[in-house]
Amino acid sequence: MGIFQINVQLAKVFLRCLNCTKLETPNAYKNRSPDADFEVYKSNYNRWLYFCHVPAFCDSFRCYETASVFGRTLLMSVFSILQQQVLNKVLSTKDKPEIKKIISTEF
């Protein structure tokens, strides 16, 4: 498996994690990242609640995937958390040792 295929697989895992993860509350985000732009995260969090989280259990709202309705600002604010989740997921899998080796040396 080449580097390109590994990057594609990592991107798929990352987007799956982004779509499945529950975002941390704005107060938790502010405590974890005091230097970050709190108002931007708060706005993105509220939009995520409305478009992604609430529709998952309320049929009267249309449900969207996080990766398809949000852009760069949300991705930048949650990247470090998701990066760690993806690394843990990939390194804990039992298959594909060549991917583990590349990831452990590159990241």
C-alpha atoms as a PDB file:
ATOM      1  CA  MET A   1       0.000   0.000   0.000  1.00  0.00           C
ATOM      2  CA  GLY A   2       1.457   3.326  -1.072  1.00  0.00           C
ATOM      3  CA  ILE A   3       1.594   6.604   0.796  1.00  0.00           C
ATOM      4  CA  PHE A   4      -1.307   8.015  -1.238  1.00  0.00           C
ATOM      5  CA  GLN A   5      -3.604   5.116  -0.333  1.00  0.00           C
ATOM      6  CA  ILE A   6      -2.609   5.427   3.324  1.00  0.00           C
ATOM      7  CA  ASN A   7      -3.406   9.153   3.268  1.00  0.00           C
ATOM      8  CA  VAL A   8      -6.795   8.417   1.698  1.00  0.00           C
ATOM      9  CA  GLN A   9      -7.533   5.829   4.400  1.00  0.00           C
ATOM     10  CA  LEU A  10      -6.489   8.278   7.124  1.00  0.00           C
ATOM     11  CA  ALA A  11      -8.702  10.983   5.653  1.00  0.00           C
ATOM     12  CA  LYS A  12     -11.661   8.585   5.638  1.00  0.00           C
ATOM     13  CA  VAL A  13     -11.040   7.644   9.271  1.00  0.00           C
ATOM     14  CA  PHE A  14     -10.667  11.307  10.200  1.00  0.00           C
ATOM     15  CA  LEU A  15     -13.940  12.288   8.518  1.00  0.00           C
ATOM     16  CA  ARG A  16     -15.724   9.328  10.105  1.00  0.00           C
ATOM     17  CA  CYS A  17     -14.464  10.452  13.508  1.00  0.00           C
ATOM     18  CA  LEU A  18     -15.536  14.024  12.772  1.00  0.00           C
ATOM     19  CA  ASN A  19     -19.033  12.856  11.843  1.00  0.00           C
ATOM     20  CA  CYS A  20     -19.385  10.552  14.863  1.00  0.00           C
ATOM     21  CA  THR A  21     -17.789  12.574  17.623  1.00  0.00           C
ATOM     22  CA  LYS A  22     -19.734  14.635  20.096  1.00  0.00           C
ATOM     23  CA  LEU A  23     -18.181  18.083  20.269  1.00  0.00           C
ATOM     24  CA  GLU A  24     -17.095  19.368  23.639  1.00  0.00           C
ATOM     25  CA  THR A  25     -19.161  22.133  25.191  1.00  0.00           C
ATOM     26  CA  PRO A  26     -17.991  25.713  24.674  1.00  0.00           C
ATOM     27  CA  ASN A  27     -16.997  26.022  28.348  1.00  0.00           C
ATOM     28  CA  ALA A  28     -14.900  22.847  28.184  1.00  0.00           C
ATOM     29  CA  TYR A  29     -13.306  24.127  24.978  1.00  0.00           C
ATOM     30  CA  LYS A  30     -12.532  27.476  26.612  1.00  0.00           C
ATOM     31  CA  ASN A  31     -10.883  25.717  29.579  1.00  0.00           C
ATOM     32  CA  ARG A  32      -8.820  23.464  27.293  1.00  0.00           C
ATOM     33  CA  SER A  33      -7.860  26.198  24.814  1.00  0.00           C
ATOM     34  CA  PRO A  34      -7.968  29.580  26.564  1.00  0.00           C
ATOM     35  CA  ASP A  35      -6.135  31.343  23.716  1.00  0.00           C
ATOM     36  CA  ALA A  36      -8.516  30.125  21.005  1.00  0.00           C
ATOM     37  CA  ASP A  37     -11.346  32.202  19.566  1.00  0.00           C
ATOM     38  CA  PHE A  38     -14.158  31.264  21.938  1.00  0.00           C
ATOM     39  CA  GLU A  39     -16.948  33.097  20.098  1.00  0.00           C
ATOM     40  CA  VAL A  40     -16.199  31.325  16.811  1.00  0.00           C
ATOM     41  CA  TYR A  41     -16.227  27.937  18.532  1.00  0.00           C
ATOM     42  CA  LYS A  42     -19.429  28.793  20.390  1.00  0.00           C
ATOM     43  CA  SER A  43     -21.112  29.751  17.120  1.00  0.00           C
ATOM     44  CA  ASN A  44     -19.924  26.549  15.421  1.00  0.00           C
ATOM     45  CA  TYR A  45     -21.033  24.483  18.427  1.00  0.00           C
ATOM     46  CA  ASN A  46     -24.535  25.968  18.282  1.00  0.00           C
ATOM     47  CA  ARG A  47     -24.748  25.271  14.550  1.00  0.00           C
ATOM     48  CA  TRP A  48     -23.500  21.717  15.148  1.00  0.00           C
ATOM     49  CA  LEU A  49     -26.208  21.191  17.777  1.00  0.00           C
ATOM     50  CA  TYR A  50     -28.888  22.373  15.373  1.00  0.00           C
ATOM     51  CA  PHE A  51     -27.706  20.637  12.193  1.00  0.00           C
ATOM     52  CA  CYS A  52     -26.022  17.458  13.469  1.00  0.00           C
ATOM     53  CA  HIS A  53     -26.687  16.535  17.088  1.00  0.00           C
ATOM     54  CA  VAL A  54     -30.365  17.328  17.745  1.00  0.00           C
ATOM     55  CA  PRO A  55     -31.572  15.850  14.420  1.00  0.00           C
ATOM     56  CA  ALA A  56     -29.986  12.538  15.396  1.00  0.00           C
ATOM     57  CA  PHE A  57     -32.780  12.003  17.922  1.00  0.00           C
ATOM     58  CA  CYS A  58     -35.482  14.405  16.716  1.00  0.00           C
ATOM     59  CA  ASP A  59     -37.145  13.386  13.450  1.00  0.00           C
ATOM     60  CA  SER A  60     -38.617  16.802  12.711  1.00  0.00           C
ATOM     61  CA  PHE A  61     -35.151  18.176  11.849  1.00  0.00           C
ATOM     62  CA  ARG A  62     -33.114  17.198   8.822  1.00  0.00           C
ATOM     63  CA  CYS A  63     -29.849  15.546   9.890  1.00  0.00           C
ATOM     64  CA  TYR A  64     -26.522  16.526   8.306  1.00  0.00           C
ATOM     65  CA  GLU A  65     -23.041  15.063   8.574  1.00  0.00           C
ATOM     66  CA  THR A  66     -20.598  17.359  10.331  1.00  0.00           C
ATOM     67  CA  ALA A  67     -17.997  17.026   7.578  1.00  0.00           C
ATOM     68  CA  SER A  68     -20.423  18.119   4.875  1.00  0.00           C
ATOM     69  CA  VAL A  69     -21.908  21.247   6.499  1.00  0.00           C
ATOM     70  CA  PHE A  70     -18.945  22.789   8.314  1.00  0.00           C
ATOM     71  CA  GLY A  71     -15.819  24.355   6.980  1.00  0.00           C
ATOM     72  CA  ARG A  72     -12.382  25.385   8.017  1.00  0.00           C
ATOM     73  CA  THR A  73     -13.206  27.204  11.258  1.00  0.00           C
ATOM     74  CA  LEU A  74     -14.756  24.168  12.935  1.00  0.00           C
ATOM     75  CA  LEU A  75     -12.070  21.871  11.577  1.00  0.00           C
ATOM     76  CA  MET A  76      -9.323  24.112  12.930  1.00  0.00           C
ATOM     77  CA  SER A  77     -10.918  24.227  16.368  1.00  0.00           C
ATOM     78  CA  VAL A  78     -11.393  20.460  16.735  1.00  0.00           C
ATOM     79  CA  PHE A  79      -8.390  19.212  14.750  1.00  0.00           C
ATOM     80  CA  SER A  80      -6.056  18.548  17.683  1.00  0.00           C
ATOM     81  CA  ILE A  81      -8.656  16.482  19.539  1.00  0.00           C
ATOM     82  CA  LEU A  82      -9.647  14.509  16.446  1.00  0.00           C
ATOM     83  CA  GLN A  83      -6.037  13.986  15.423  1.00  0.00           C
ATOM     84  CA  GLN A  84      -5.363  12.302  18.757  1.00  0.00           C
ATOM     85  CA  GLN A  85      -8.499  10.150  18.414  1.00  0.00           C
ATOM     86  CA  VAL A  86      -7.515   9.029  14.916  1.00  0.00           C
ATOM     87  CA  LEU A  87      -3.962   8.233  15.998  1.00  0.00           C
ATOM     88  CA  ASN A  88      -5.232   6.187  18.927  1.00  0.00           C
ATOM     89  CA  LYS A  89      -7.696   4.340  16.691  1.00  0.00           C
ATOM     90  CA  VAL A  90      -5.137   3.542  13.999  1.00  0.00           C
ATOM     91  CA  LEU A  91      -2.407   2.532  16.431  1.00  0.00           C
ATOM     92  CA  SER A  92      -4.791   0.283  18.387  1.00  0.00           C
ATOM     93  CA  THR A  93      -5.958  -1.719  15.369  1.00  0.00           C
ATOM     94  CA  LYS A  94      -4.473  -5.152  14.916  1.00  0.00           C
ATOM     95  CA  ASP A  95      -4.390  -5.156  11.129  1.00  0.00           C
ATOM     96  CA  LYS A  96      -2.351  -3.184   8.619  1.00  0.00           C
ATOM     97  CA  PRO A  97       1.027  -2.954  10.399  1.00  0.00           C
ATOM     98  CA  GLU A  98       2.519  -0.996   7.472  1.00  0.00           C
ATOM     99  CA  ILE A  99       0.084   1.845   8.174  1.00  0.00           C
ATOM    100  CA  LYS A 100       0.981   1.814  11.875  1.00  0.00           C
ATOM    101  CA  LYS A 101       4.673   2.041  11.048  1.00  0.00           C
ATOM    102  CA  ILE A 102       4.255   5.001   8.703  1.00  0.00           C
ATOM    103  CA  ILE A 103       1.922   6.846  11.062  1.00  0.00           C
ATOM    104  CA  SER A 104       4.077   6.345  14.123  1.00  0.00           C
ATOM    105  CA  THR A 105       7.088   7.778  12.270  1.00  0.00           C
ATOM    106  CA  GLU A 106       5.286  10.603  10.406  1.00  0.00           C
ATOM    107  CA  PHE A 107       3.001  11.913  13.142  1.00  0.00           C
END
